[in-house]
Every structure is written in structure tokens, then in C-alpha cells.
Protein backbone atom coordinates (compact mmCIF):
# COMPACT_ATOMS: atom_id res chain seq x y z
CA MET A 1 -0.10 -0.21 -0.48
CA ALA A 2 1.20 3.49 -0.78
CA ASN A 3 2.82 5.23 2.42
CA THR A 4 4.03 8.64 1.54
CA PRO A 5 1.60 11.55 -0.04
CA GLN A 6 3.55 11.10 -3.22
CA SER A 7 2.86 7.60 -3.83
CA LYS A 8 -0.65 7.85 -2.66
CA LYS A 9 -1.37 10.52 -5.53
CA ARG A 10 0.38 8.48 -7.89
CA ALA A 11 -1.95 5.75 -6.96
CA ARG A 12 -4.83 8.01 -7.35
CA GLN A 13 -3.77 9.33 -10.70
CA ASN A 14 -3.16 5.67 -11.64
CA THR A 15 -6.42 4.60 -11.43
CA LYS A 16 -8.49 7.59 -13.16
CA ARG A 17 -6.01 7.32 -15.82
CA PHE A 18 -6.82 3.68 -16.00
CA ASP A 19 -10.54 4.33 -16.18
CA VAL A 20 -9.55 6.99 -19.06
CA ASN A 21 -7.96 4.75 -20.81
CA ARG A 22 -9.92 1.68 -20.73
CA ALA A 23 -12.70 3.78 -22.04
CA ARG A 24 -10.89 4.62 -25.16
CA ARG A 25 -9.68 1.62 -25.83
CA SER A 26 -13.27 0.25 -25.64
CA ARG A 27 -14.28 3.30 -27.91
CA ILE A 28 -11.42 2.45 -30.47
CA ARG A 29 -12.34 -1.44 -30.26
CA THR A 30 -15.91 -0.26 -31.04
CA PHE A 31 -14.91 0.85 -34.09
CA LEU A 32 -12.75 -1.49 -35.29
CA ARG A 33 -15.50 -3.86 -35.02
CA LYS A 34 -17.51 -2.03 -37.09
CA VAL A 35 -15.02 -2.44 -39.43
CA GLU A 36 -14.74 -6.08 -39.24
CA GLU A 37 -18.33 -6.74 -38.88
CA ALA A 38 -18.62 -4.56 -42.36
CA ILE A 39 -16.02 -6.68 -43.79
CA ALA A 40 -18.17 -10.03 -43.17
CA SER A 41 -21.15 -8.67 -44.38
CA GLY A 42 -19.18 -8.29 -47.98
CA ASP A 43 -20.65 -4.35 -48.38
CA LYS A 44 -17.45 -2.75 -49.48
CA ALA A 45 -18.88 0.58 -49.01
CA ALA A 46 -19.91 0.49 -46.02
CA ALA A 47 -16.40 -1.35 -44.76
CA GLN A 48 -14.69 1.46 -46.59
CA ALA A 49 -16.57 4.08 -44.34
CA ALA A 50 -16.24 2.59 -41.53
CA LEU A 51 -12.71 2.18 -41.64
CA ARG A 52 -12.30 6.21 -42.80
CA ALA A 53 -14.18 6.63 -39.63
CA ALA A 54 -11.72 3.94 -37.50
CA GLN A 55 -8.41 5.91 -38.90
CA PRO A 56 -8.45 8.88 -37.09
CA GLU A 57 -9.69 7.24 -33.54
CA LEU A 58 -6.92 4.54 -33.68
CA MET A 59 -4.76 7.23 -34.29
CA ARG A 60 -5.61 9.33 -31.41
CA GLY A 61 -5.39 6.54 -29.21
CA VAL A 62 -1.61 6.47 -30.28
CA THR A 63 -0.93 10.07 -28.95
CA LYS A 64 -2.91 9.38 -25.96
CA GLY A 65 -0.69 6.60 -25.19
CA VAL A 66 -3.39 3.62 -25.45
CA PHE A 67 -1.60 1.99 -28.41
CA HIS A 68 1.57 2.12 -29.67
CA LYS A 69 2.14 3.75 -33.28
CA ASN A 70 3.48 0.45 -34.63
CA THR A 71 0.21 -1.59 -33.39
CA ALA A 72 -2.01 0.77 -34.72
CA ALA A 73 -0.14 0.88 -38.10
CA ARG A 74 -0.14 -2.71 -38.53
CA LYS A 75 -4.53 -2.94 -37.72
CA MET A 76 -4.81 -0.33 -40.11
CA SER A 77 -2.89 -1.80 -42.74
CA ARG A 78 -4.36 -5.46 -42.86
CA LEU A 79 -8.01 -3.87 -41.99
CA SER A 80 -7.55 -1.55 -45.17
CA SER A 81 -6.14 -4.58 -47.12
CA ARG A 82 -8.90 -6.61 -46.36
CA VAL A 83 -11.90 -4.19 -47.27
CA LYS A 84 -9.20 -3.73 -50.70
CA ALA A 85 -9.70 -7.44 -51.43
CA LEU A 86 -13.67 -7.17 -50.92
CA GLY A 87 -15.90 -6.51 -54.13
């Protein structure tokens, strides 16, 4: 357990930050799931629209420190190649 005032404050900050990051990660996963569902349905136009909506969310996750930039780039690359292969 945290003993010093500094470590108590740090523990409070960590729990707040964890909640914010968890919400942000969940939001990004929702956008990615919409792209996956559009790909599964075979609708190329819907998949492209979902991908365009997901891309800024994913990159915002990178700037906020939720995802590593290479992870986001890999996810976008794989999704875009799958969308491109549709139709």
C-alpha cells in the first residue's frame, strides 16, 4: 500500500488514468469491430466508410498512449488490405 503522500497521489492518478484509457480502448475496439462486421457482410462501401471512421480514432489512441504506433499501423494496414480485397 502507498505510504508517502507522493505515492498516494500517484495511486489516485493511476486509477483515474486507467479508467480513461480503458474507455478510450473500448471506443477504439468498437470502431474496429464495425469495420470487421462490414467486411464480414461483404459490403465494400460500408467497410470503407467504417475504415475511414476508425482510422482517426486509432491514431488518436496512439497520440494518447493507449496503443503503440506500430500496432495501430499494423491494424490499419491489415484492415485496409482486407477492405481492398472485397468486391
